[in-house]
Amino acid sequence: MHKLSIIIVLLGLHGMAMSAPIADCPAELARQTAQVASMSLKEFDLTPDSGWRVLADAQCFSEAESILKRYLESNGPQSSLFIHLGQIELRLDKRVEAERNFMLALRPGDSANLPFKFNDFVLALAAYAAGDRTKFLTHYAIIERHAENIGNGRNLKLLTAIRDNFDRKYLDILNSLR
């Protein structure tokens, strides 16, 4: 399960490769929604040009938020989807909602001894959403100490951009990474 989690985080968190906006985001939402019922988590979360990703990549952030919520309501809690939902909400500058969804993404059973620091990444994002620089830096430091792990190393790039631009909007930070 942890290998799948690492893949999910690596492929889905940053959303830095955004395509041009779709002219009709509501129509694309309707098209994706019609397919959601038959999608597995892997199809919905990891398949390019499918599910929430096609909407987010096209900068249809409100629609991506909507379809993520619908999928979660229909299929139950999924840690990876809560973190993606939190990041979409940060793009929409919905910091309170983002923080709440980041907290739902936490994996209480994960040991602090695991090499991939998923919970620390999530807690750093939650701290950023809450505007708590001290907590952010605490979790940033943990990930920085374990940057030899490929997932931590990739997540550190985003967190470093957040650290260096803590008072900026998330979408502006993502755009600076392109």
N, C-alpha and C. Protein backbone atom coordinates (compact mmCIF):
# COMPACT_ATOMS: atom_id res chain seq x y z
N MET A 1 0.81 -1.19 0.00
CA MET A 1 0.00 0.00 0.00
C MET A 1 0.86 1.26 0.00
N HIS A 2 1.98 1.23 0.70
CA HIS A 2 2.81 2.43 0.76
C HIS A 2 3.46 2.75 -0.58
N LYS A 3 3.79 1.72 -1.37
CA LYS A 3 4.35 1.98 -2.70
C LYS A 3 3.33 2.70 -3.56
N LEU A 4 2.06 2.27 -3.50
CA LEU A 4 1.01 2.95 -4.25
C LEU A 4 0.85 4.37 -3.74
N SER A 5 0.93 4.57 -2.46
CA SER A 5 0.81 5.92 -1.89
C SER A 5 1.90 6.82 -2.40
N ILE A 6 3.12 6.30 -2.47
CA ILE A 6 4.23 7.11 -2.97
C ILE A 6 3.98 7.49 -4.42
N ILE A 7 3.53 6.55 -5.23
CA ILE A 7 3.24 6.84 -6.63
C ILE A 7 2.16 7.90 -6.72
N ILE A 8 1.13 7.78 -5.91
CA ILE A 8 0.05 8.76 -5.94
C ILE A 8 0.58 10.14 -5.60
N VAL A 9 1.37 10.24 -4.57
CA VAL A 9 1.90 11.55 -4.18
C VAL A 9 2.82 12.09 -5.27
N LEU A 10 3.68 11.27 -5.80
CA LEU A 10 4.63 11.75 -6.79
C LEU A 10 3.93 12.21 -8.06
N LEU A 11 2.90 11.50 -8.47
CA LEU A 11 2.23 11.86 -9.71
C LEU A 11 1.19 12.94 -9.55
N GLY A 12 0.66 13.10 -8.36
CA GLY A 12 -0.48 13.97 -8.25
C GLY A 12 -0.35 15.25 -7.48
N LEU A 13 0.64 15.42 -6.68
CA LEU A 13 0.63 16.56 -5.78
C LEU A 13 0.93 17.88 -6.42
N HIS A 14 1.89 17.94 -7.25
CA HIS A 14 2.39 19.25 -7.64
C HIS A 14 1.54 19.93 -8.70
N GLY A 15 1.02 19.21 -9.66
CA GLY A 15 0.18 19.82 -10.66
C GLY A 15 0.86 20.98 -11.37
N MET A 16 2.14 20.87 -11.59
CA MET A 16 2.88 21.98 -12.17
C MET A 16 2.78 22.01 -13.68
N ALA A 17 2.40 20.91 -14.29
CA ALA A 17 2.32 20.87 -15.74
C ALA A 17 0.89 21.10 -16.17
N MET A 18 0.45 22.32 -16.06
CA MET A 18 -0.93 22.63 -16.41
C MET A 18 -1.02 22.97 -17.89
N SER A 19 -2.09 22.49 -18.52
CA SER A 19 -2.33 22.81 -19.91
C SER A 19 -3.16 24.09 -19.99
N ALA A 20 -3.50 24.46 -21.19
CA ALA A 20 -4.32 25.65 -21.38
C ALA A 20 -5.71 25.39 -20.82
N PRO A 21 -6.36 26.43 -20.34
CA PRO A 21 -7.71 26.25 -19.80
C PRO A 21 -8.67 25.72 -20.86
N ILE A 22 -9.61 24.90 -20.43
CA ILE A 22 -10.68 24.41 -21.30
C ILE A 22 -11.68 25.55 -21.45
N ALA A 23 -12.20 25.71 -22.64
CA ALA A 23 -13.14 26.81 -22.88
C ALA A 23 -14.42 26.65 -22.07
N ASP A 24 -14.83 25.40 -21.85
CA ASP A 24 -16.10 25.16 -21.17
C ASP A 24 -15.89 24.18 -20.02
N CYS A 25 -15.44 24.70 -18.89
CA CYS A 25 -15.17 23.85 -17.73
C CYS A 25 -16.41 23.10 -17.26
N PRO A 26 -17.59 23.72 -17.19
CA PRO A 26 -18.78 22.97 -16.76
C PRO A 26 -19.09 21.78 -17.68
N ALA A 27 -18.89 21.93 -18.98
CA ALA A 27 -19.15 20.82 -19.91
C ALA A 27 -18.15 19.69 -19.68
N GLU A 28 -16.90 20.05 -19.40
CA GLU A 28 -15.89 19.01 -19.12
C GLU A 28 -16.19 18.32 -17.80
N LEU A 29 -16.67 19.08 -16.82
CA LEU A 29 -17.08 18.48 -15.55
C LEU A 29 -18.19 17.47 -15.79
N ALA A 30 -19.18 17.82 -16.59
CA ALA A 30 -20.28 16.90 -16.88
C ALA A 30 -19.77 15.64 -17.57
N ARG A 31 -18.84 15.80 -18.49
CA ARG A 31 -18.28 14.64 -19.20
C ARG A 31 -17.52 13.74 -18.23
N GLN A 32 -16.70 14.32 -17.36
CA GLN A 32 -15.94 13.53 -16.40
C GLN A 32 -16.86 12.90 -15.35
N THR A 33 -17.87 13.64 -14.91
CA THR A 33 -18.80 13.13 -13.90
C THR A 33 -19.53 11.90 -14.41
N ALA A 34 -19.90 11.91 -15.69
CA ALA A 34 -20.61 10.77 -16.27
C ALA A 34 -19.75 9.50 -16.23
N GLN A 35 -18.44 9.66 -16.21
CA GLN A 35 -17.53 8.51 -16.21
C GLN A 35 -17.09 8.08 -14.82
N VAL A 36 -17.27 8.94 -13.83
CA VAL A 36 -16.74 8.69 -12.48
C VAL A 36 -17.27 7.41 -11.86
N ALA A 37 -18.53 7.12 -12.04
CA ALA A 37 -19.14 5.96 -11.39
C ALA A 37 -18.44 4.66 -11.75
N SER A 38 -17.89 4.59 -12.95
CA SER A 38 -17.24 3.35 -13.37
C SER A 38 -15.72 3.37 -13.19
N MET A 39 -15.19 4.43 -12.62
CA MET A 39 -13.73 4.55 -12.47
C MET A 39 -13.23 3.96 -11.16
N SER A 40 -12.15 3.20 -11.25
CA SER A 40 -11.45 2.76 -10.05
C SER A 40 -10.68 3.96 -9.50
N LEU A 41 -10.17 3.82 -8.28
CA LEU A 41 -9.35 4.88 -7.71
C LEU A 41 -8.16 5.17 -8.62
N LYS A 42 -7.52 4.12 -9.10
CA LYS A 42 -6.36 4.29 -9.98
C LYS A 42 -6.74 5.09 -11.23
N GLU A 43 -7.85 4.74 -11.85
CA GLU A 43 -8.28 5.46 -13.05
C GLU A 43 -8.62 6.92 -12.73
N PHE A 44 -9.33 7.13 -11.64
CA PHE A 44 -9.75 8.47 -11.27
C PHE A 44 -8.57 9.34 -10.85
N ASP A 45 -7.61 8.74 -10.15
CA ASP A 45 -6.52 9.52 -9.55
C ASP A 45 -5.25 9.54 -10.38
N LEU A 46 -4.92 8.46 -11.06
CA LEU A 46 -3.61 8.36 -11.70
C LEU A 46 -3.61 8.38 -13.21
N THR A 47 -4.76 8.33 -13.83
CA THR A 47 -4.80 8.27 -15.29
C THR A 47 -4.81 9.67 -15.88
N PRO A 48 -3.80 9.99 -16.69
CA PRO A 48 -3.80 11.31 -17.33
C PRO A 48 -5.05 11.46 -18.20
N ASP A 49 -5.50 12.67 -18.32
CA ASP A 49 -6.69 12.99 -19.13
C ASP A 49 -7.94 12.26 -18.66
N SER A 50 -8.04 12.07 -17.36
CA SER A 50 -9.19 11.39 -16.79
C SER A 50 -9.46 11.91 -15.39
N GLY A 51 -10.70 11.79 -14.97
CA GLY A 51 -11.06 12.14 -13.60
C GLY A 51 -10.75 13.59 -13.27
N TRP A 52 -10.33 13.79 -12.03
CA TRP A 52 -10.07 15.14 -11.55
C TRP A 52 -8.90 15.80 -12.25
N ARG A 53 -7.93 15.00 -12.70
CA ARG A 53 -6.70 15.56 -13.28
C ARG A 53 -6.95 16.35 -14.55
N VAL A 54 -7.84 15.86 -15.41
CA VAL A 54 -8.09 16.59 -16.65
C VAL A 54 -8.64 17.98 -16.35
N LEU A 55 -9.44 18.08 -15.31
CA LEU A 55 -10.00 19.37 -14.91
C LEU A 55 -8.93 20.27 -14.28
N ALA A 56 -8.15 19.72 -13.38
CA ALA A 56 -7.10 20.51 -12.73
C ALA A 56 -6.05 20.96 -13.74
N ASP A 57 -5.63 20.06 -14.61
CA ASP A 57 -4.61 20.41 -15.60
C ASP A 57 -5.10 21.50 -16.55
N ALA A 58 -6.41 21.57 -16.75
CA ALA A 58 -7.00 22.60 -17.62
C ALA A 58 -7.36 23.86 -16.84
N GLN A 59 -6.96 23.91 -15.58
CA GLN A 59 -7.21 25.06 -14.71
C GLN A 59 -8.69 25.27 -14.41
N CYS A 60 -9.46 24.19 -14.45
CA CYS A 60 -10.87 24.19 -14.05
C CYS A 60 -10.92 23.77 -12.58
N PHE A 61 -10.41 24.64 -11.72
CA PHE A 61 -10.20 24.27 -10.33
C PHE A 61 -11.49 24.07 -9.55
N SER A 62 -12.49 24.88 -9.78
CA SER A 62 -13.78 24.69 -9.09
C SER A 62 -14.40 23.36 -9.49
N GLU A 63 -14.28 23.03 -10.75
CA GLU A 63 -14.83 21.76 -11.24
C GLU A 63 -14.02 20.58 -10.72
N ALA A 64 -12.71 20.73 -10.64
CA ALA A 64 -11.86 19.66 -10.07
C ALA A 64 -12.23 19.44 -8.61
N GLU A 65 -12.46 20.52 -7.88
CA GLU A 65 -12.89 20.41 -6.49
C GLU A 65 -14.22 19.66 -6.40
N SER A 66 -15.14 20.00 -7.27
CA SER A 66 -16.45 19.37 -7.26
C SER A 66 -16.38 17.86 -7.53
N ILE A 67 -15.60 17.48 -8.53
CA ILE A 67 -15.54 16.06 -8.88
C ILE A 67 -14.78 15.26 -7.83
N LEU A 68 -13.78 15.85 -7.20
CA LEU A 68 -13.09 15.17 -6.10
C LEU A 68 -14.05 14.93 -4.94
N LYS A 69 -14.85 15.92 -4.61
CA LYS A 69 -15.82 15.77 -3.52
C LYS A 69 -16.85 14.69 -3.86
N ARG A 70 -17.31 14.69 -5.11
CA ARG A 70 -18.28 13.67 -5.53
C ARG A 70 -17.69 12.27 -5.44
N TYR A 71 -16.45 12.12 -5.89
CA TYR A 71 -15.81 10.80 -5.84
C TYR A 71 -15.66 10.33 -4.39
N LEU A 72 -15.23 11.23 -3.54
CA LEU A 72 -15.07 10.88 -2.12
C LEU A 72 -16.41 10.51 -1.49
N GLU A 73 -17.47 11.24 -1.82
CA GLU A 73 -18.79 10.93 -1.28
C GLU A 73 -19.27 9.56 -1.75
N SER A 74 -18.98 9.22 -2.99
CA SER A 74 -19.45 7.95 -3.55
C SER A 74 -18.59 6.76 -3.16
N ASN A 75 -17.30 6.99 -2.96
CA ASN A 75 -16.37 5.87 -2.78
C ASN A 75 -15.70 5.81 -1.42
N GLY A 76 -16.00 6.76 -0.56
CA GLY A 76 -15.42 6.74 0.77
C GLY A 76 -14.08 7.42 0.82
N PRO A 77 -13.55 7.61 2.03
CA PRO A 77 -12.31 8.37 2.22
C PRO A 77 -11.11 7.70 1.55
N GLN A 78 -10.31 8.52 0.92
CA GLN A 78 -9.05 8.10 0.31
C GLN A 78 -8.02 9.17 0.64
N SER A 79 -7.00 8.80 1.35
CA SER A 79 -5.99 9.75 1.79
C SER A 79 -5.44 10.57 0.63
N SER A 80 -5.11 9.91 -0.46
CA SER A 80 -4.52 10.61 -1.60
C SER A 80 -5.47 11.65 -2.17
N LEU A 81 -6.75 11.35 -2.18
CA LEU A 81 -7.71 12.30 -2.75
C LEU A 81 -7.93 13.49 -1.83
N PHE A 82 -7.86 13.28 -0.53
CA PHE A 82 -7.99 14.41 0.39
C PHE A 82 -6.82 15.39 0.22
N ILE A 83 -5.63 14.87 -0.03
CA ILE A 83 -4.50 15.78 -0.22
C ILE A 83 -4.65 16.54 -1.54
N HIS A 84 -5.12 15.86 -2.58
CA HIS A 84 -5.35 16.54 -3.86
C HIS A 84 -6.45 17.59 -3.71
N LEU A 85 -7.51 17.24 -3.00
CA LEU A 85 -8.59 18.19 -2.77
C LEU A 85 -8.07 19.41 -2.02
N GLY A 86 -7.25 19.19 -1.01
CA GLY A 86 -6.67 20.31 -0.28
C GLY A 86 -5.84 21.21 -1.19
N GLN A 87 -5.09 20.61 -2.08
CA GLN A 87 -4.27 21.41 -2.99
C GLN A 87 -5.12 22.18 -4.00
N ILE A 88 -6.19 21.56 -4.46
CA ILE A 88 -7.10 22.27 -5.36
C ILE A 88 -7.72 23.44 -4.61
N GLU A 89 -8.11 23.21 -3.37
CA GLU A 89 -8.71 24.29 -2.58
C GLU A 89 -7.70 25.41 -2.31
N LEU A 90 -6.44 25.07 -2.15
CA LEU A 90 -5.42 26.13 -2.03
C LEU A 90 -5.34 26.94 -3.32
N ARG A 91 -5.46 26.26 -4.46
CA ARG A 91 -5.45 27.00 -5.73
C ARG A 91 -6.61 27.99 -5.80
N LEU A 92 -7.72 27.62 -5.16
CA LEU A 92 -8.91 28.49 -5.12
C LEU A 92 -8.86 29.46 -3.94
N ASP A 93 -7.77 29.45 -3.20
CA ASP A 93 -7.56 30.28 -2.02
C ASP A 93 -8.60 30.00 -0.93
N LYS A 94 -9.01 28.75 -0.82
CA LYS A 94 -9.92 28.29 0.24
C LYS A 94 -9.07 27.62 1.31
N ARG A 95 -8.39 28.42 2.09
CA ARG A 95 -7.40 27.91 3.03
C ARG A 95 -8.00 27.09 4.17
N VAL A 96 -9.13 27.50 4.69
CA VAL A 96 -9.76 26.75 5.80
C VAL A 96 -10.16 25.36 5.32
N GLU A 97 -10.80 25.30 4.17
CA GLU A 97 -11.21 24.00 3.61
C GLU A 97 -10.00 23.14 3.29
N ALA A 98 -8.96 23.76 2.74
CA ALA A 98 -7.74 23.03 2.40
C ALA A 98 -7.12 22.42 3.65
N GLU A 99 -7.00 23.21 4.69
CA GLU A 99 -6.41 22.70 5.94
C GLU A 99 -7.21 21.51 6.46
N ARG A 100 -8.53 21.62 6.44
CA ARG A 100 -9.38 20.53 6.92
C ARG A 100 -9.13 19.26 6.09
N ASN A 101 -9.05 19.39 4.78
CA ASN A 101 -8.85 18.21 3.94
C ASN A 101 -7.44 17.64 4.06
N PHE A 102 -6.46 18.50 4.29
CA PHE A 102 -5.12 17.97 4.56
C PHE A 102 -5.14 17.12 5.83
N MET A 103 -5.83 17.58 6.84
CA MET A 103 -5.88 16.82 8.09
C MET A 103 -6.59 15.47 7.88
N LEU A 104 -7.56 15.43 6.97
CA LEU A 104 -8.24 14.17 6.66
C LEU A 104 -7.33 13.23 5.87
N ALA A 105 -6.31 13.77 5.23
CA ALA A 105 -5.38 12.96 4.45
C ALA A 105 -4.36 12.23 5.32
N LEU A 106 -4.21 12.67 6.56
CA LEU A 106 -3.20 12.06 7.43
C LEU A 106 -3.44 10.57 7.62
N ARG A 107 -2.37 9.85 7.80
CA ARG A 107 -2.42 8.40 8.02
C ARG A 107 -1.92 8.12 9.43
N PRO A 108 -2.84 8.05 10.39
CA PRO A 108 -2.44 7.89 11.80
C PRO A 108 -1.62 6.63 12.05
N GLY A 109 -1.79 5.60 11.26
CA GLY A 109 -1.07 4.35 11.47
C GLY A 109 0.34 4.35 10.92
N ASP A 110 0.70 5.37 10.14
CA ASP A 110 2.05 5.41 9.58
C ASP A 110 3.08 5.66 10.68
N SER A 111 4.10 4.87 10.67
CA SER A 111 5.18 5.02 11.64
C SER A 111 6.07 6.20 11.25
N ALA A 112 6.58 6.88 12.25
CA ALA A 112 7.53 7.97 12.01
C ALA A 112 8.82 7.44 11.42
N ASN A 113 9.02 6.11 11.49
CA ASN A 113 10.24 5.49 10.99
C ASN A 113 10.20 5.19 9.49
N LEU A 114 9.05 5.39 8.85
CA LEU A 114 8.97 5.13 7.41
C LEU A 114 9.87 6.13 6.68
N PRO A 115 10.55 5.68 5.61
CA PRO A 115 11.44 6.59 4.90
C PRO A 115 10.69 7.72 4.18
N PHE A 116 9.50 7.43 3.66
CA PHE A 116 8.70 8.45 2.98
C PHE A 116 7.86 9.17 4.02
N LYS A 117 8.03 10.46 4.14
CA LYS A 117 7.42 11.28 5.19
C LYS A 117 6.10 11.90 4.72
N PHE A 118 5.15 11.03 4.38
CA PHE A 118 3.85 11.48 3.87
C PHE A 118 3.17 12.41 4.86
N ASN A 119 3.05 11.98 6.11
CA ASN A 119 2.33 12.80 7.09
C ASN A 119 3.01 14.15 7.33
N ASP A 120 4.33 14.18 7.31
CA ASP A 120 5.01 15.46 7.49
C ASP A 120 4.76 16.39 6.30
N PHE A 121 4.70 15.83 5.11
CA PHE A 121 4.38 16.63 3.93
C PHE A 121 2.98 17.21 4.06
N VAL A 122 2.04 16.37 4.44
CA VAL A 122 0.65 16.81 4.61
C VAL A 122 0.56 17.87 5.70
N LEU A 123 1.25 17.64 6.81
CA LEU A 123 1.21 18.62 7.91
C LEU A 123 1.87 19.94 7.52
N ALA A 124 2.90 19.88 6.69
CA ALA A 124 3.51 21.12 6.20
C ALA A 124 2.51 21.90 5.34
N LEU A 125 1.80 21.20 4.47
CA LEU A 125 0.78 21.86 3.64
C LEU A 125 -0.35 22.42 4.50
N ALA A 126 -0.76 21.66 5.51
CA ALA A 126 -1.82 22.14 6.41
C ALA A 126 -1.36 23.39 7.15
N ALA A 127 -0.11 23.41 7.58
CA ALA A 127 0.43 24.58 8.28
C ALA A 127 0.48 25.78 7.35
N TYR A 128 0.86 25.56 6.10
CA TYR A 128 0.86 26.65 5.12
C TYR A 128 -0.57 27.18 4.94
N ALA A 129 -1.53 26.27 4.80
CA ALA A 129 -2.93 26.69 4.63
C ALA A 129 -3.39 27.52 5.81
N ALA A 130 -2.93 27.15 7.01
CA ALA A 130 -3.32 27.87 8.23
C ALA A 130 -2.49 29.13 8.46
N GLY A 131 -1.46 29.32 7.65
CA GLY A 131 -0.59 30.48 7.83
C GLY A 131 0.35 30.36 9.01
N ASP A 132 0.63 29.12 9.43
CA ASP A 132 1.48 28.87 10.59
C ASP A 132 2.90 28.52 10.14
N ARG A 133 3.73 29.53 10.01
CA ARG A 133 5.09 29.35 9.51
C ARG A 133 5.91 28.45 10.43
N THR A 134 5.74 28.56 11.74
CA THR A 134 6.52 27.76 12.69
C THR A 134 6.25 26.27 12.49
N LYS A 135 4.98 25.88 12.42
CA LYS A 135 4.65 24.46 12.18
C LYS A 135 5.13 24.02 10.81
N PHE A 136 4.97 24.89 9.83
CA PHE A 136 5.43 24.56 8.48
C PHE A 136 6.93 24.23 8.51
N LEU A 137 7.71 25.09 9.14
CA LEU A 137 9.16 24.88 9.17
C LEU A 137 9.55 23.63 9.94
N THR A 138 8.78 23.27 10.95
CA THR A 138 9.04 22.04 11.70
C THR A 138 8.94 20.83 10.78
N HIS A 139 7.88 20.76 10.00
CA HIS A 139 7.67 19.61 9.11
C HIS A 139 8.57 19.69 7.87
N TYR A 140 8.85 20.88 7.44
CA TYR A 140 9.80 21.08 6.34
C TYR A 140 11.16 20.49 6.72
N ALA A 141 11.61 20.78 7.93
CA ALA A 141 12.92 20.31 8.40
C ALA A 141 12.99 18.78 8.42
N ILE A 142 11.90 18.13 8.78
CA ILE A 142 11.87 16.66 8.79
C ILE A 142 12.03 16.12 7.38
N ILE A 143 11.30 16.69 6.45
CA ILE A 143 11.39 16.24 5.06
C ILE A 143 12.78 16.54 4.49
N GLU A 144 13.32 17.70 4.84
CA GLU A 144 14.65 18.07 4.37
C GLU A 144 15.70 17.07 4.86
N ARG A 145 15.57 16.61 6.10
CA ARG A 145 16.51 15.62 6.65
C ARG A 145 16.41 14.26 5.96
N HIS A 146 15.29 14.01 5.29
CA HIS A 146 15.07 12.72 4.63
C HIS A 146 14.93 12.89 3.12
N ALA A 147 15.57 13.89 2.57
CA ALA A 147 15.43 14.21 1.14
C ALA A 147 16.04 13.15 0.22
N GLU A 148 16.82 12.22 0.79
CA GLU A 148 17.38 11.16 -0.05
C GLU A 148 16.29 10.23 -0.59
N ASN A 149 15.15 10.18 0.09
CA ASN A 149 14.01 9.42 -0.41
C ASN A 149 13.44 10.19 -1.60
N ILE A 150 13.21 9.51 -2.72
CA ILE A 150 12.79 10.19 -3.95
C ILE A 150 11.49 10.99 -3.76
N GLY A 151 10.55 10.43 -3.03
CA GLY A 151 9.29 11.15 -2.79
C GLY A 151 9.49 12.39 -1.94
N ASN A 152 10.30 12.25 -0.89
CA ASN A 152 10.59 13.42 -0.05
C ASN A 152 11.34 14.47 -0.84
N GLY A 153 12.29 14.05 -1.68
CA GLY A 153 13.06 14.99 -2.48
C GLY A 153 12.17 15.79 -3.42
N ARG A 154 11.24 15.12 -4.05
CA ARG A 154 10.32 15.82 -4.96
C ARG A 154 9.39 16.76 -4.19
N ASN A 155 8.87 16.28 -3.08
CA ASN A 155 7.98 17.13 -2.28
C ASN A 155 8.73 18.33 -1.71
N LEU A 156 10.02 18.14 -1.43
CA LEU A 156 10.83 19.23 -0.88
C LEU A 156 10.91 20.40 -1.85
N LYS A 157 10.89 20.12 -3.14
CA LYS A 157 10.94 21.21 -4.14
C LYS A 157 9.74 22.14 -3.97
N LEU A 158 8.56 21.55 -3.83
CA LEU A 158 7.36 22.36 -3.62
C LEU A 158 7.43 23.08 -2.28
N LEU A 159 7.80 22.35 -1.24
CA LEU A 159 7.85 22.95 0.09
C LEU A 159 8.89 24.07 0.17
N THR A 160 9.99 23.93 -0.54
CA THR A 160 11.00 24.99 -0.56
C THR A 160 10.43 26.24 -1.22
N ALA A 161 9.70 26.05 -2.30
CA ALA A 161 9.06 27.20 -2.96
C ALA A 161 8.05 27.86 -2.02
N ILE A 162 7.31 27.05 -1.26
CA ILE A 162 6.37 27.61 -0.29
C ILE A 162 7.14 28.34 0.80
N ARG A 163 8.18 27.72 1.32
CA ARG A 163 8.99 28.36 2.38
C ARG A 163 9.50 29.72 1.93
N ASP A 164 9.98 29.78 0.70
CA ASP A 164 10.57 31.01 0.18
C ASP A 164 9.53 32.06 -0.20
N ASN A 165 8.28 31.66 -0.27
CA ASN A 165 7.19 32.56 -0.69
C ASN A 165 5.98 32.37 0.20
N PHE A 166 6.20 32.19 1.48
CA PHE A 166 5.15 31.75 2.40
C PHE A 166 3.92 32.66 2.39
N ASP A 167 4.08 33.92 2.15
CA ASP A 167 2.95 34.84 2.20
C ASP A 167 2.23 34.99 0.85
N ARG A 168 2.70 34.27 -0.15
CA ARG A 168 2.07 34.33 -1.46
C ARG A 168 0.98 33.27 -1.59
N LYS A 169 0.10 33.46 -2.56
CA LYS A 169 -0.95 32.47 -2.84
C LYS A 169 -0.32 31.22 -3.45
N TYR A 170 -0.95 30.09 -3.17
CA TYR A 170 -0.45 28.80 -3.63
C TYR A 170 -0.34 28.74 -5.15
N LEU A 171 -1.34 29.22 -5.84
CA LEU A 171 -1.31 29.18 -7.30
C LEU A 171 -0.14 30.00 -7.84
N ASP A 172 0.16 31.13 -7.23
CA ASP A 172 1.31 31.93 -7.64
C ASP A 172 2.61 31.15 -7.40
N ILE A 173 2.68 30.44 -6.29
CA ILE A 173 3.87 29.64 -5.99
C ILE A 173 4.03 28.54 -7.03
N LEU A 174 2.95 27.84 -7.36
CA LEU A 174 3.02 26.80 -8.38
C LEU A 174 3.46 27.37 -9.72
N ASN A 175 2.90 28.51 -10.09
CA ASN A 175 3.27 29.13 -11.36
C ASN A 175 4.75 29.52 -11.39
N SER A 176 5.32 29.86 -10.26
CA SER A 176 6.74 30.21 -10.22
C SER A 176 7.63 28.99 -10.42
N LEU A 177 7.09 27.80 -10.22
CA LEU A 177 7.86 26.56 -10.38
C LEU A 177 7.87 26.06 -11.83
N ARG A 178 7.05 26.60 -12.66
CA ARG A 178 6.98 26.12 -14.06
C ARG A 178 8.22 26.46 -14.82
